[in-house]
């Protein structure tokens, strides 16, 4: 099982950086970067909610579920 995170695509669509998002939602940039790279352990739902509100996306637009990991990143 693998969950792919599409935060980079959502940020690119809005021409926004992780630093800018961090400032706007008051979450450390390091946490956003780790989430973006799919290596953040147990992201808080509150952080996901803030990201969705600021980028005006649903959680389904940020995450994809795949049975096999075809990418180098994984959730640990």
PDB file of N, CA and C in Angstrom:
ATOM      1  N   UNK A   1       0.847  -1.170   0.000  1.00  0.00           N
ATOM      2  CA  UNK A   1       0.000   0.000   0.000  1.00  0.00           C
ATOM      3  C   UNK A   1       0.895   1.237   0.000  1.00  0.00           C
ATOM      4  N   UNK A   2       0.495   2.219  -0.760  1.00  0.00           N
ATOM      5  CA  UNK A   2       1.273   3.443  -0.868  1.00  0.00           C
ATOM      6  C   UNK A   2       0.337   4.617  -1.075  1.00  0.00           C
ATOM      7  N   UNK A   3       0.602   5.698  -0.377  1.00  0.00           N
ATOM      8  CA  UNK A   3      -0.154   6.934  -0.560  1.00  0.00           C
ATOM      9  C   UNK A   3       0.790   7.960  -1.156  1.00  0.00           C
ATOM     10  N   UNK A   4       0.456   8.417  -2.351  1.00  0.00           N
ATOM     11  CA  UNK A   4       1.267   9.429  -3.029  1.00  0.00           C
ATOM     12  C   UNK A   4       0.678  10.791  -2.713  1.00  0.00           C
ATOM     13  N   UNK A   5       1.547  11.728  -2.394  1.00  0.00           N
ATOM     14  CA  UNK A   5       1.120  13.071  -2.030  1.00  0.00           C
ATOM     15  C   UNK A   5       1.374  14.019  -3.194  1.00  0.00           C
ATOM     16  N   UNK A   6       0.337  14.749  -3.581  1.00  0.00           N
ATOM     17  CA  UNK A   6       0.391  15.638  -4.740  1.00  0.00           C
ATOM     18  C   UNK A   6       0.488  17.108  -4.350  1.00  0.00           C
ATOM     19  N   UNK A   7       1.085  17.388  -3.222  1.00  0.00           N
ATOM     20  CA  UNK A   7       1.187  18.767  -2.752  1.00  0.00           C
ATOM     21  C   UNK A   7       1.988  19.623  -3.718  1.00  0.00           C
ATOM     22  N   UNK A   8       3.020  19.055  -4.314  1.00  0.00           N
ATOM     23  CA  UNK A   8       3.836  19.830  -5.256  1.00  0.00           C
ATOM     24  C   UNK A   8       3.007  20.304  -6.448  1.00  0.00           C
ATOM     25  N   UNK A   9       2.097  19.469  -6.921  1.00  0.00           N
ATOM     26  CA  UNK A   9       1.232  19.864  -8.042  1.00  0.00           C
ATOM     27  C   UNK A   9       0.273  20.976  -7.635  1.00  0.00           C
ATOM     28  N   UNK A  10      -0.305  20.842  -6.429  1.00  0.00           N
ATOM     29  CA  UNK A  10      -1.238  21.863  -5.945  1.00  0.00           C
ATOM     30  C   UNK A  10      -0.532  23.201  -5.759  1.00  0.00           C
ATOM     31  N   UNK A  11       0.694  23.171  -5.245  1.00  0.00           N
ATOM     32  CA  UNK A  11       1.463  24.408  -5.081  1.00  0.00           C
ATOM     33  C   UNK A  11       1.825  25.013  -6.436  1.00  0.00           C
ATOM     34  N   UNK A  12       2.240  24.179  -7.372  1.00  0.00           N
ATOM     35  CA  UNK A  12       2.630  24.668  -8.700  1.00  0.00           C
ATOM     36  C   UNK A  12       1.451  25.333  -9.411  1.00  0.00           C
ATOM     37  N   UNK A  13       0.264  24.750  -9.303  1.00  0.00           N
ATOM     38  CA  UNK A  13      -0.936  25.339  -9.927  1.00  0.00           C
ATOM     39  C   UNK A  13      -1.197  26.744  -9.412  1.00  0.00           C
ATOM     40  N   UNK A  14      -0.854  26.968  -8.154  1.00  0.00           N
ATOM     41  CA  UNK A  14      -1.106  28.268  -7.537  1.00  0.00           C
ATOM     42  C   UNK A  14       0.129  29.155  -7.492  1.00  0.00           C
ATOM     43  N   UNK A  15       1.209  28.674  -8.113  1.00  0.00           N
ATOM     44  CA  UNK A  15       2.477  29.406  -8.151  1.00  0.00           C
ATOM     45  C   UNK A  15       2.885  29.844  -6.742  1.00  0.00           C
ATOM     46  N   UNK A  16       2.864  28.870  -5.835  1.00  0.00           N
ATOM     47  CA  UNK A  16       3.173  29.131  -4.441  1.00  0.00           C
ATOM     48  C   UNK A  16       4.317  28.213  -3.995  1.00  0.00           C
ATOM     49  N   UNK A  17       5.184  28.711  -3.147  1.00  0.00           N
ATOM     50  CA  UNK A  17       6.291  27.916  -2.622  1.00  0.00           C
ATOM     51  C   UNK A  17       5.900  27.321  -1.269  1.00  0.00           C
ATOM     52  N   UNK A  18       6.689  26.353  -0.812  1.00  0.00           N
ATOM     53  CA  UNK A  18       6.443  25.788   0.511  1.00  0.00           C
ATOM     54  C   UNK A  18       6.649  26.857   1.589  1.00  0.00           C
ATOM     55  N   UNK A  19       7.593  27.753   1.382  1.00  0.00           N
ATOM     56  CA  UNK A  19       7.836  28.832   2.348  1.00  0.00           C
ATOM     57  C   UNK A  19       6.620  29.756   2.450  1.00  0.00           C
ATOM     58  N   UNK A  20       6.050  30.093   1.316  1.00  0.00           N
ATOM     59  CA  UNK A  20       4.874  30.969   1.305  1.00  0.00           C
ATOM     60  C   UNK A  20       3.677  30.281   1.972  1.00  0.00           C
ATOM     61  N   UNK A  21       3.467  29.010   1.650  1.00  0.00           N
ATOM     62  CA  UNK A  21       2.378  28.265   2.281  1.00  0.00           C
ATOM     63  C   UNK A  21       2.600  28.167   3.782  1.00  0.00           C
ATOM     64  N   UNK A  22       3.822  27.908   4.178  1.00  0.00           N
ATOM     65  CA  UNK A  22       4.173  27.818   5.597  1.00  0.00           C
ATOM     66  C   UNK A  22       3.788  29.080   6.347  1.00  0.00           C
ATOM     67  N   UNK A  23       4.123  30.208   5.779  1.00  0.00           N
ATOM     68  CA  UNK A  23       3.809  31.493   6.402  1.00  0.00           C
ATOM     69  C   UNK A  23       2.299  31.712   6.481  1.00  0.00           C
ATOM     70  N   UNK A  24       1.606  31.367   5.419  1.00  0.00           N
ATOM     71  CA  UNK A  24       0.165  31.614   5.368  1.00  0.00           C
ATOM     72  C   UNK A  24      -0.650  30.733   6.306  1.00  0.00           C
ATOM     73  N   UNK A  25      -0.171  29.512   6.584  1.00  0.00           N
ATOM     74  CA  UNK A  25      -0.951  28.612   7.438  1.00  0.00           C
ATOM     75  C   UNK A  25      -0.315  28.392   8.807  1.00  0.00           C
ATOM     76  N   UNK A  26       0.808  29.053   9.059  1.00  0.00           N
ATOM     77  CA  UNK A  26       1.486  28.979  10.356  1.00  0.00           C
ATOM     78  C   UNK A  26       1.857  27.539  10.740  1.00  0.00           C
ATOM     79  N   UNK A  27       2.505  26.856   9.787  1.00  0.00           N
ATOM     80  CA  UNK A  27       3.034  25.504   9.993  1.00  0.00           C
ATOM     81  C   UNK A  27       4.502  25.563   9.585  1.00  0.00           C
ATOM     82  N   UNK A  28       5.404  24.944  10.344  1.00  0.00           N
ATOM     83  CA  UNK A  28       6.822  24.999   9.979  1.00  0.00           C
ATOM     84  C   UNK A  28       7.069  24.503   8.545  1.00  0.00           C
ATOM     85  N   UNK A  29       7.905  25.235   7.831  1.00  0.00           N
ATOM     86  CA  UNK A  29       8.210  24.859   6.444  1.00  0.00           C
ATOM     87  C   UNK A  29       8.794  23.455   6.366  1.00  0.00           C
ATOM     88  N   UNK A  30       9.551  23.065   7.375  1.00  0.00           N
ATOM     89  CA  UNK A  30      10.142  21.721   7.370  1.00  0.00           C
ATOM     90  C   UNK A  30       9.057  20.642   7.342  1.00  0.00           C
ATOM     91  N   UNK A  31       7.953  20.852   8.051  1.00  0.00           N
ATOM     92  CA  UNK A  31       6.855  19.882   8.037  1.00  0.00           C
ATOM     93  C   UNK A  31       6.201  19.803   6.663  1.00  0.00           C
ATOM     94  N   UNK A  32       6.018  20.946   6.037  1.00  0.00           N
ATOM     95  CA  UNK A  32       5.411  20.966   4.706  1.00  0.00           C
ATOM     96  C   UNK A  32       6.342  20.288   3.705  1.00  0.00           C
ATOM     97  N   UNK A  33       7.637  20.561   3.802  1.00  0.00           N
ATOM     98  CA  UNK A  33       8.605  19.938   2.894  1.00  0.00           C
ATOM     99  C   UNK A  33       8.631  18.426   3.064  1.00  0.00           C
ATOM    100  N   UNK A  34       8.585  17.965   4.310  1.00  0.00           N
ATOM    101  CA  UNK A  34       8.563  16.524   4.561  1.00  0.00           C
ATOM    102  C   UNK A  34       7.287  15.888   4.020  1.00  0.00           C
ATOM    103  N   UNK A  35       6.164  16.560   4.183  1.00  0.00           N
ATOM    104  CA  UNK A  35       4.911  16.048   3.639  1.00  0.00           C
ATOM    105  C   UNK A  35       4.991  15.987   2.118  1.00  0.00           C
ATOM    106  N   UNK A  36       5.507  17.031   1.516  1.00  0.00           N
ATOM    107  CA  UNK A  36       5.641  17.101   0.069  1.00  0.00           C
ATOM    108  C   UNK A  36       6.509  15.962  -0.480  1.00  0.00           C
ATOM    109  N   UNK A  37       7.524  15.569   0.292  1.00  0.00           N
ATOM    110  CA  UNK A  37       8.423  14.485  -0.118  1.00  0.00           C
ATOM    111  C   UNK A  37       7.907  13.108   0.288  1.00  0.00           C
ATOM    112  N   UNK A  38       6.754  13.070   0.924  1.00  0.00           N
ATOM    113  CA  UNK A  38       6.132  11.816   1.373  1.00  0.00           C
ATOM    114  C   UNK A  38       6.947  11.090   2.428  1.00  0.00           C
ATOM    115  N   UNK A  39       7.656  11.812   3.264  1.00  0.00           N
ATOM    116  CA  UNK A  39       8.422  11.162   4.321  1.00  0.00           C
ATOM    117  C   UNK A  39       7.983  11.590   5.717  1.00  0.00           C
ATOM    118  N   UNK A  40       6.976  12.425   5.823  1.00  0.00           N
ATOM    119  CA  UNK A  40       6.485  12.864   7.122  1.00  0.00           C
ATOM    120  C   UNK A  40       5.696  11.734   7.771  1.00  0.00           C
ATOM    121  N   UNK A  41       6.064  11.387   8.984  1.00  0.00           N
ATOM    122  CA  UNK A  41       5.328  10.365   9.727  1.00  0.00           C
ATOM    123  C   UNK A  41       4.065  10.977  10.296  1.00  0.00           C
ATOM    124  N   UNK A  42       2.967  10.329  10.100  1.00  0.00           N
ATOM    125  CA  UNK A  42       1.695  10.708  10.710  1.00  0.00           C
ATOM    126  C   UNK A  42       1.390  12.206  10.652  1.00  0.00           C
ATOM    127  N   UNK A  43       1.123  12.738   9.462  1.00  0.00           N
ATOM    128  CA  UNK A  43       0.783  14.167   9.401  1.00  0.00           C
ATOM    129  C   UNK A  43      -0.507  14.438  10.172  1.00  0.00           C
ATOM    130  N   UNK A  44      -0.543  15.526  10.870  1.00  0.00           N
ATOM    131  CA  UNK A  44      -1.716  15.906  11.649  1.00  0.00           C
ATOM    132  C   UNK A  44      -2.851  16.324  10.719  1.00  0.00           C
ATOM    133  N   UNK A  45      -4.050  15.904  11.069  1.00  0.00           N
ATOM    134  CA  UNK A  45      -5.202  16.273  10.262  1.00  0.00           C
ATOM    135  C   UNK A  45      -5.410  17.780  10.248  1.00  0.00           C
ATOM    136  N   UNK A  46      -5.050  18.445  11.326  1.00  0.00           N
ATOM    137  CA  UNK A  46      -5.196  19.908  11.379  1.00  0.00           C
ATOM    138  C   UNK A  46      -4.310  20.557  10.316  1.00  0.00           C
ATOM    139  N   UNK A  47      -3.087  20.027  10.127  1.00  0.00           N
ATOM    140  CA  UNK A  47      -2.196  20.567   9.104  1.00  0.00           C
ATOM    141  C   UNK A  47      -2.780  20.313   7.711  1.00  0.00           C
ATOM    142  N   UNK A  48      -3.316  19.128   7.490  1.00  0.00           N
ATOM    143  CA  UNK A  48      -3.936  18.805   6.199  1.00  0.00           C
ATOM    144  C   UNK A  48      -5.122  19.732   5.958  1.00  0.00           C
ATOM    145  N   UNK A  49      -5.917  19.964   6.997  1.00  0.00           N
ATOM    146  CA  UNK A  49      -7.062  20.867   6.880  1.00  0.00           C
ATOM    147  C   UNK A  49      -6.620  22.279   6.499  1.00  0.00           C
ATOM    148  N   UNK A  50      -5.566  22.781   7.140  1.00  0.00           N
ATOM    149  CA  UNK A  50      -5.058  24.123   6.835  1.00  0.00           C
ATOM    150  C   UNK A  50      -4.574  24.209   5.388  1.00  0.00           C
ATOM    151  N   UNK A  51      -3.857  23.186   4.941  1.00  0.00           N
ATOM    152  CA  UNK A  51      -3.357  23.169   3.567  1.00  0.00           C
ATOM    153  C   UNK A  51      -4.531  23.162   2.588  1.00  0.00           C
ATOM    154  N   UNK A  52      -5.516  22.306   2.834  1.00  0.00           N
ATOM    155  CA  UNK A  52      -6.680  22.239   1.947  1.00  0.00           C
ATOM    156  C   UNK A  52      -7.434  23.564   1.896  1.00  0.00           C
ATOM    157  N   UNK A  53      -7.604  24.200   3.050  1.00  0.00           N
ATOM    158  CA  UNK A  53      -8.297  25.492   3.089  1.00  0.00           C
ATOM    159  C   UNK A  53      -7.542  26.555   2.311  1.00  0.00           C
ATOM    160  N   UNK A  54      -6.227  26.635   2.509  1.00  0.00           N
ATOM    161  CA  UNK A  54      -5.446  27.685   1.858  1.00  0.00           C
ATOM    162  C   UNK A  54      -5.342  27.460   0.349  1.00  0.00           C
ATOM    163  N   UNK A  55      -5.172  26.195  -0.075  1.00  0.00           N
ATOM    164  CA  UNK A  55      -5.030  25.904  -1.504  1.00  0.00           C
ATOM    165  C   UNK A  55      -6.370  25.652  -2.186  1.00  0.00           C
ATOM    166  N   UNK A  56      -7.442  25.637  -1.400  1.00  0.00           N
ATOM    167  CA  UNK A  56      -8.789  25.390  -1.901  1.00  0.00           C
ATOM    168  C   UNK A  56      -8.856  24.078  -2.682  1.00  0.00           C
ATOM    169  N   UNK A  57      -8.406  23.011  -2.018  1.00  0.00           N
ATOM    170  CA  UNK A  57      -8.457  21.667  -2.584  1.00  0.00           C
ATOM    171  C   UNK A  57      -9.082  20.733  -1.548  1.00  0.00           C
ATOM    172  N   UNK A  58      -9.515  19.578  -2.013  1.00  0.00           N
ATOM    173  CA  UNK A  58     -10.001  18.553  -1.091  1.00  0.00           C
ATOM    174  C   UNK A  58      -8.846  17.611  -0.764  1.00  0.00           C
ATOM    175  N   UNK A  59      -8.926  16.878   0.338  1.00  0.00           N
ATOM    176  CA  UNK A  59      -7.858  15.924   0.639  1.00  0.00           C
ATOM    177  C   UNK A  59      -7.633  14.924  -0.493  1.00  0.00           C
ATOM    178  N   UNK A  60      -8.697  14.585  -1.205  1.00  0.00           N
ATOM    179  CA  UNK A  60      -8.574  13.662  -2.340  1.00  0.00           C
ATOM    180  C   UNK A  60      -7.711  14.201  -3.467  1.00  0.00           C
ATOM    181  N   UNK A  61      -7.593  15.513  -3.549  1.00  0.00           N
ATOM    182  CA  UNK A  61      -6.727  16.114  -4.561  1.00  0.00           C
ATOM    183  C   UNK A  61      -5.269  16.107  -4.114  1.00  0.00           C
ATOM    184  N   UNK A  62      -5.028  15.996  -2.826  1.00  0.00           N
ATOM    185  CA  UNK A  62      -3.663  15.974  -2.303  1.00  0.00           C
ATOM    186  C   UNK A  62      -3.083  14.564  -2.232  1.00  0.00           C
ATOM    187  N   UNK A  63      -3.950  13.554  -2.098  1.00  0.00           N
ATOM    188  CA  UNK A  63      -3.474  12.192  -1.880  1.00  0.00           C
ATOM    189  C   UNK A  63      -4.010  11.231  -2.927  1.00  0.00           C
ATOM    190  N   UNK A  64      -3.154  10.316  -3.381  1.00  0.00           N
ATOM    191  CA  UNK A  64      -3.541   9.215  -4.260  1.00  0.00           C
ATOM    192  C   UNK A  64      -3.160   7.924  -3.566  1.00  0.00           C
ATOM    193  N   UNK A  65      -4.022   6.922  -3.639  1.00  0.00           N
ATOM    194  CA  UNK A  65      -3.745   5.622  -3.057  1.00  0.00           C
ATOM    195  C   UNK A  65      -3.376   4.648  -4.174  1.00  0.00           C
ATOM    196  N   UNK A  66      -2.287   3.933  -3.985  1.00  0.00           N
ATOM    197  CA  UNK A  66      -1.853   2.926  -4.953  1.00  0.00           C
ATOM    198  C   UNK A  66      -1.506   1.644  -4.217  1.00  0.00           C
ATOM    199  N   UNK A  67      -1.770   0.518  -4.833  1.00  0.00           N
ATOM    200  CA  UNK A  67      -1.463  -0.760  -4.199  1.00  0.00           C
ATOM    201  C   UNK A  67       0.028  -1.038  -4.178  1.00  0.00           C
ATOM    202  N   UNK A  68       0.733  -0.557  -5.188  1.00  0.00           N
ATOM    203  CA  UNK A  68       2.179  -0.779  -5.265  1.00  0.00           C
ATOM    204  C   UNK A  68       2.898   0.553  -5.303  1.00  0.00           C
ATOM    205  N   UNK A  69       4.059   0.593  -4.666  1.00  0.00           N
ATOM    206  CA  UNK A  69       4.864   1.809  -4.646  1.00  0.00           C
ATOM    207  C   UNK A  69       5.732   1.850  -5.902  1.00  0.00           C
ATOM    208  N   UNK A  70       5.368   2.707  -6.842  1.00  0.00           N
ATOM    209  CA  UNK A  70       6.153   2.861  -8.064  1.00  0.00           C
ATOM    210  C   UNK A  70       7.105   4.045  -7.968  1.00  0.00           C
ATOM    211  N   UNK A  71       7.144   4.671  -6.809  1.00  0.00           N
ATOM    212  CA  UNK A  71       7.950   5.861  -6.616  1.00  0.00           C
ATOM    213  C   UNK A  71       8.990   5.616  -5.541  1.00  0.00           C
ATOM    214  N   UNK A  72       9.988   6.455  -5.469  1.00  0.00           N
ATOM    215  CA  UNK A  72      11.063   6.221  -4.520  1.00  0.00           C
ATOM    216  C   UNK A  72      10.702   6.596  -3.087  1.00  0.00           C
ATOM    217  N   UNK A  73       9.672   7.408  -2.903  1.00  0.00           N
ATOM    218  CA  UNK A  73       9.288   7.835  -1.559  1.00  0.00           C
ATOM    219  C   UNK A  73       8.244   6.906  -0.982  1.00  0.00           C
ATOM    220  N   UNK A  74       8.224   6.805   0.329  1.00  0.00           N
ATOM    221  CA  UNK A  74       7.208   6.007   0.984  1.00  0.00           C
ATOM    222  C   UNK A  74       6.898   6.607   2.340  1.00  0.00           C
ATOM    223  N   UNK A  75       5.748   6.312   2.844  1.00  0.00           N
ATOM    224  CA  UNK A  75       5.370   6.741   4.178  1.00  0.00           C
ATOM    225  C   UNK A  75       5.914   5.705   5.150  1.00  0.00           C
ATOM    226  N   UNK A  76       6.615   6.175   6.156  1.00  0.00           N
ATOM    227  CA  UNK A  76       7.228   5.266   7.127  1.00  0.00           C
ATOM    228  C   UNK A  76       6.537   5.330   8.458  1.00  0.00           C
TER     229      UNK A  76
END
